[in-house]
C-alpha cells in the first residue's frame, strides 16, 4: 500500500466533501439524514470544537510545523510498523486537509453534525483515526515488555 497515495486520498476526499457542502448549502443550513446525523454547514475560526476563536493563524503555523517535522522524520527514518505508518498517514492527511482551509479561507469548513457533538469534517475524522492508531501502537509497545517478562 502506498502511504503517500493514502495520505493524498484523505486530503482530496476532505477537500471534495467541503467543496460540495460550500457549493450546495447555505452557511448555517442543516439537513437531517438520520435521527442523530445532520449535514450542517458551519465555519470554525478557532481550534478543535470551535475553541479559542481567532487563533486560526497560530494553528495554521503550528500545524505546518508539525506536518513538516513528521514528513522530515519519516524521510530520515522510515517507519517499519504498519499501524504506526497508518496512524501518521491519517494524522498528516487530516492535518493537511484542515490546514488548506485555514490558509485559503482563514477558517475550517465543518459539516458533519451528530447533534450531540460539535460539528466536524472528514479531516477531523482522519486526525482522530490517526491518533487512535498511534495510541494503539504505543500502548502495544508499552505492553510488550510486560508480556515478555511474564513468560
C-alpha atoms as a PDB file:
ATOM      1  CA  UNK A   1       0.000   0.000   0.000  1.00  0.00           C
ATOM      2  CA  UNK A   2       1.309   3.426  -0.844  1.00  0.00           C
ATOM      3  CA  UNK A   3       1.040   5.581   2.243  1.00  0.00           C
ATOM      4  CA  UNK A   4       1.685   8.698   0.171  1.00  0.00           C
ATOM      5  CA  UNK A   5      -1.292   7.802  -2.012  1.00  0.00           C
ATOM      6  CA  UNK A   6      -3.472   7.153   1.051  1.00  0.00           C
ATOM      7  CA  UNK A   7      -2.492  10.499   2.595  1.00  0.00           C
ATOM      8  CA  UNK A   8      -3.210  12.303  -0.671  1.00  0.00           C
ATOM      9  CA  UNK A   9      -6.549  10.482  -0.904  1.00  0.00           C
ATOM     10  CA  UNK A  10      -7.507  11.678   2.580  1.00  0.00           C
ATOM     11  CA  UNK A  11      -6.745  15.286   1.621  1.00  0.00           C
ATOM     12  CA  UNK A  12      -8.608  15.034  -1.703  1.00  0.00           C
ATOM     13  CA  UNK A  13     -11.670  13.373  -0.117  1.00  0.00           C
ATOM     14  CA  UNK A  14     -11.740  16.021   2.623  1.00  0.00           C
ATOM     15  CA  UNK A  15     -11.469  18.886   0.161  1.00  0.00           C
ATOM     16  CA  UNK A  16     -14.102  17.433  -2.194  1.00  0.00           C
ATOM     17  CA  UNK A  17     -16.623  16.968   0.630  1.00  0.00           C
ATOM     18  CA  UNK A  18     -16.024  20.542   1.824  1.00  0.00           C
ATOM     19  CA  UNK A  19     -16.351  21.865  -1.725  1.00  0.00           C
ATOM     20  CA  UNK A  20     -19.669  20.053  -2.196  1.00  0.00           C
ATOM     21  CA  UNK A  21     -21.027  21.416   1.085  1.00  0.00           C
ATOM     22  CA  UNK A  22     -19.989  25.016   0.356  1.00  0.00           C
ATOM     23  CA  UNK A  23     -21.468  24.863  -3.145  1.00  0.00           C
ATOM     24  CA  UNK A  24     -24.755  23.183  -2.275  1.00  0.00           C
ATOM     25  CA  UNK A  25     -25.667  24.603   1.149  1.00  0.00           C
ATOM     26  CA  UNK A  26     -26.023  27.995   2.779  1.00  0.00           C
ATOM     27  CA  UNK A  27     -23.927  28.763   5.841  1.00  0.00           C
ATOM     28  CA  UNK A  28     -25.862  27.561   8.896  1.00  0.00           C
ATOM     29  CA  UNK A  29     -28.200  25.377   6.835  1.00  0.00           C
ATOM     30  CA  UNK A  30     -28.858  21.939   8.305  1.00  0.00           C
ATOM     31  CA  UNK A  31     -30.219  18.867   6.525  1.00  0.00           C
ATOM     32  CA  UNK A  32     -31.360  15.827   8.566  1.00  0.00           C
ATOM     33  CA  UNK A  33     -30.016  12.477   7.356  1.00  0.00           C
ATOM     34  CA  UNK A  34     -30.852  10.190  10.298  1.00  0.00           C
ATOM     35  CA  UNK A  35     -32.297  10.931  13.745  1.00  0.00           C
ATOM     36  CA  UNK A  36     -28.832  11.739  15.125  1.00  0.00           C
ATOM     37  CA  UNK A  37     -26.917  12.765  11.985  1.00  0.00           C
ATOM     38  CA  UNK A  38     -27.316  16.004  10.055  1.00  0.00           C
ATOM     39  CA  UNK A  39     -25.357  17.872   7.434  1.00  0.00           C
ATOM     40  CA  UNK A  40     -24.820  21.328   8.905  1.00  0.00           C
ATOM     41  CA  UNK A  41     -22.649  23.865   7.091  1.00  0.00           C
ATOM     42  CA  UNK A  42     -20.526  25.651   9.687  1.00  0.00           C
ATOM     43  CA  UNK A  43     -17.252  27.566   9.726  1.00  0.00           C
ATOM     44  CA  UNK A  44     -14.724  27.136  12.506  1.00  0.00           C
ATOM     45  CA  UNK A  45     -12.432  30.112  13.130  1.00  0.00           C
ATOM     46  CA  UNK A  46     -10.766  28.507  16.145  1.00  0.00           C
ATOM     47  CA  UNK A  47      -9.331  25.204  17.263  1.00  0.00           C
ATOM     48  CA  UNK A  48     -10.987  21.871  17.921  1.00  0.00           C
ATOM     49  CA  UNK A  49     -14.714  22.194  18.631  1.00  0.00           C
ATOM     50  CA  UNK A  50     -14.513  25.919  17.861  1.00  0.00           C
ATOM     51  CA  UNK A  51     -12.484  26.602  20.998  1.00  0.00           C
ATOM     52  CA  UNK A  52     -10.263  29.683  21.049  1.00  0.00           C
ATOM     53  CA  UNK A  53     -11.781  31.557  18.098  1.00  0.00           C
ATOM     54  CA  UNK A  54      -9.334  33.816  16.341  1.00  0.00           C
ATOM     55  CA  UNK A  55      -6.235  31.657  16.783  1.00  0.00           C
ATOM     56  CA  UNK A  56      -6.508  30.251  13.266  1.00  0.00           C
ATOM     57  CA  UNK A  57      -3.210  31.794  12.089  1.00  0.00           C
ATOM     58  CA  UNK A  58      -1.378  30.344  15.101  1.00  0.00           C
ATOM     59  CA  UNK A  59      -2.968  26.943  14.491  1.00  0.00           C
ATOM     60  CA  UNK A  60      -2.003  27.104  10.833  1.00  0.00           C
ATOM     61  CA  UNK A  61       1.636  27.821  11.726  1.00  0.00           C
ATOM     62  CA  UNK A  62       1.797  25.094  14.378  1.00  0.00           C
ATOM     63  CA  UNK A  63       0.092  22.595  12.060  1.00  0.00           C
ATOM     64  CA  UNK A  64       2.513  23.380   9.237  1.00  0.00           C
ATOM     65  CA  UNK A  65       5.475  22.899  11.598  1.00  0.00           C
ATOM     66  CA  UNK A  66       4.142  19.562  12.870  1.00  0.00           C
ATOM     67  CA  UNK A  67       3.425  18.292   9.349  1.00  0.00           C
ATOM     68  CA  UNK A  68       6.906  19.371   8.275  1.00  0.00           C
ATOM     69  CA  UNK A  69       8.504  17.639  11.262  1.00  0.00           C
ATOM     70  CA  UNK A  70       6.596  14.408  10.625  1.00  0.00           C
ATOM     71  CA  UNK A  71       7.465  14.391   6.926  1.00  0.00           C
ATOM     72  CA  UNK A  72      11.169  15.048   7.603  1.00  0.00           C
ATOM     73  CA  UNK A  73      11.210  12.383  10.328  1.00  0.00           C
ATOM     74  CA  UNK A  74       9.513   9.870   8.039  1.00  0.00           C
ATOM     75  CA  UNK A  75      12.022  10.601   5.285  1.00  0.00           C
ATOM     76  CA  UNK A  76      15.079  10.303   7.545  1.00  0.00           C
ATOM     77  CA  UNK A  77      14.000   7.236   9.488  1.00  0.00           C
ATOM     78  CA  UNK A  78      11.355   5.245   7.625  1.00  0.00           C
ATOM     79  CA  UNK A  79       8.780   3.601   9.848  1.00  0.00           C
ATOM     80  CA  UNK A  80       8.572  -0.166   9.513  1.00  0.00           C
ATOM     81  CA  UNK A  81       5.423  -0.919  11.551  1.00  0.00           C
ATOM     82  CA  UNK A  82       2.197  -0.721   9.575  1.00  0.00           C
ATOM     83  CA  UNK A  83      -0.059   0.578  12.378  1.00  0.00           C
ATOM     84  CA  UNK A  84       2.375   3.397  13.109  1.00  0.00           C
ATOM     85  CA  UNK A  85       2.642   4.261   9.395  1.00  0.00           C
ATOM     86  CA  UNK A  86      -1.135   4.306   9.054  1.00  0.00           C
ATOM     87  CA  UNK A  87      -1.539   6.472  12.148  1.00  0.00           C
ATOM     88  CA  UNK A  88       0.992   9.025  10.935  1.00  0.00           C
ATOM     89  CA  UNK A  89      -0.507   8.962   7.426  1.00  0.00           C
ATOM     90  CA  UNK A  90      -4.042   9.641   8.706  1.00  0.00           C
ATOM     91  CA  UNK A  91      -2.749  12.337  11.047  1.00  0.00           C
ATOM     92  CA  UNK A  92      -0.814  14.137   8.300  1.00  0.00           C
ATOM     93  CA  UNK A  93      -3.679  13.798   5.777  1.00  0.00           C
ATOM     94  CA  UNK A  94      -6.244  15.188   8.197  1.00  0.00           C
ATOM     95  CA  UNK A  95      -3.998  17.983   9.431  1.00  0.00           C
ATOM     96  CA  UNK A  96      -3.187  18.962   5.854  1.00  0.00           C
ATOM     97  CA  UNK A  97      -6.884  18.996   4.894  1.00  0.00           C
ATOM     98  CA  UNK A  98      -7.705  21.489   7.644  1.00  0.00           C
ATOM     99  CA  UNK A  99      -4.504  23.473   7.036  1.00  0.00           C
ATOM    100  CA  UNK A 100      -5.561  24.021   3.429  1.00  0.00           C
ATOM    101  CA  UNK A 101      -8.834  25.551   4.678  1.00  0.00           C
ATOM    102  CA  UNK A 102      -7.050  27.776   7.197  1.00  0.00           C
ATOM    103  CA  UNK A 103      -4.631  29.052   4.567  1.00  0.00           C
ATOM    104  CA  UNK A 104      -7.310  29.581   1.890  1.00  0.00           C
ATOM    105  CA  UNK A 105     -10.199  30.890   3.982  1.00  0.00           C
ATOM    106  CA  UNK A 106      -8.835  31.688   7.442  1.00  0.00           C
ATOM    107  CA  UNK A 107     -11.289  29.150   8.865  1.00  0.00           C
ATOM    108  CA  UNK A 108     -12.227  25.480   8.514  1.00  0.00           C
ATOM    109  CA  UNK A 109     -15.379  24.174   6.815  1.00  0.00           C
ATOM    110  CA  UNK A 110     -17.310  21.737   9.032  1.00  0.00           C
ATOM    111  CA  UNK A 111     -20.472  19.829   8.136  1.00  0.00           C
ATOM    112  CA  UNK A 112     -20.895  16.510   9.981  1.00  0.00           C
ATOM    113  CA  UNK A 113     -23.361  17.142  12.803  1.00  0.00           C
ATOM    114  CA  UNK A 114     -24.085  14.285  15.196  1.00  0.00           C
ATOM    115  CA  UNK A 115     -26.445  16.614  17.160  1.00  0.00           C
ATOM    116  CA  UNK A 116     -24.759  15.668  20.460  1.00  0.00           C
ATOM    117  CA  UNK A 117     -21.211  16.661  19.421  1.00  0.00           C
ATOM    118  CA  UNK A 118     -19.676  19.770  17.824  1.00  0.00           C
ATOM    119  CA  UNK A 119     -19.834  19.872  14.012  1.00  0.00           C
ATOM    120  CA  UNK A 120     -16.742  18.427  12.302  1.00  0.00           C
ATOM    121  CA  UNK A 121     -15.372  17.356   8.909  1.00  0.00           C
ATOM    122  CA  UNK A 122     -13.573  14.455   7.229  1.00  0.00           C
ATOM    123  CA  UNK A 123     -10.114  15.855   8.046  1.00  0.00           C
ATOM    124  CA  UNK A 124     -11.109  15.796  11.724  1.00  0.00           C
ATOM    125  CA  UNK A 125     -12.146  12.157  11.347  1.00  0.00           C
ATOM    126  CA  UNK A 126      -8.734  11.358   9.827  1.00  0.00           C
ATOM    127  CA  UNK A 127      -6.932  13.110  12.708  1.00  0.00           C
ATOM    128  CA  UNK A 128      -8.958  11.137  15.257  1.00  0.00           C
ATOM    129  CA  UNK A 129      -8.361   7.830  13.423  1.00  0.00           C
ATOM    130  CA  UNK A 130      -4.637   8.630  13.210  1.00  0.00           C
ATOM    131  CA  UNK A 131      -4.490   9.492  16.905  1.00  0.00           C
ATOM    132  CA  UNK A 132      -6.275   6.256  17.856  1.00  0.00           C
ATOM    133  CA  UNK A 133      -3.889   4.207  15.692  1.00  0.00           C
ATOM    134  CA  UNK A 134      -0.859   5.941  17.241  1.00  0.00           C
ATOM    135  CA  UNK A 135      -2.212   5.417  20.759  1.00  0.00           C
ATOM    136  CA  UNK A 136      -2.853   1.743  19.990  1.00  0.00           C
ATOM    137  CA  UNK A 137       0.664   1.338  18.588  1.00  0.00           C
ATOM    138  CA  UNK A 138       2.317   2.935  21.618  1.00  0.00           C
ATOM    139  CA  UNK A 139       0.062   1.037  24.045  1.00  0.00           C
ATOM    140  CA  UNK A 140       1.074  -2.235  22.359  1.00  0.00           C
ATOM    141  CA  UNK A 141       4.755  -1.215  22.541  1.00  0.00           C
ATOM    142  CA  UNK A 142       4.444  -0.430  26.247  1.00  0.00           C
ATOM    143  CA  UNK A 143       2.578  -3.678  26.946  1.00  0.00           C
ATOM    144  CA  UNK A 144       5.042  -5.880  25.022  1.00  0.00           C
ATOM    145  CA  UNK A 145       7.882  -5.812  27.617  1.00  0.00           C
ATOM    146  CA  UNK A 146       5.397  -6.656  30.376  1.00  0.00           C
ATOM    147  CA  UNK A 147       4.064  -9.629  28.394  1.00  0.00           C
ATOM    148  CA  UNK A 148       7.593 -10.883  27.763  1.00  0.00           C
ATOM    149  CA  UNK A 149       8.535 -10.502  31.447  1.00  0.00           C
ATOM    150  CA  UNK A 150       5.542 -12.633  32.446  1.00  0.00           C
ATOM    151  CA  UNK A 151       6.655 -15.603  30.320  1.00  0.00           C
END
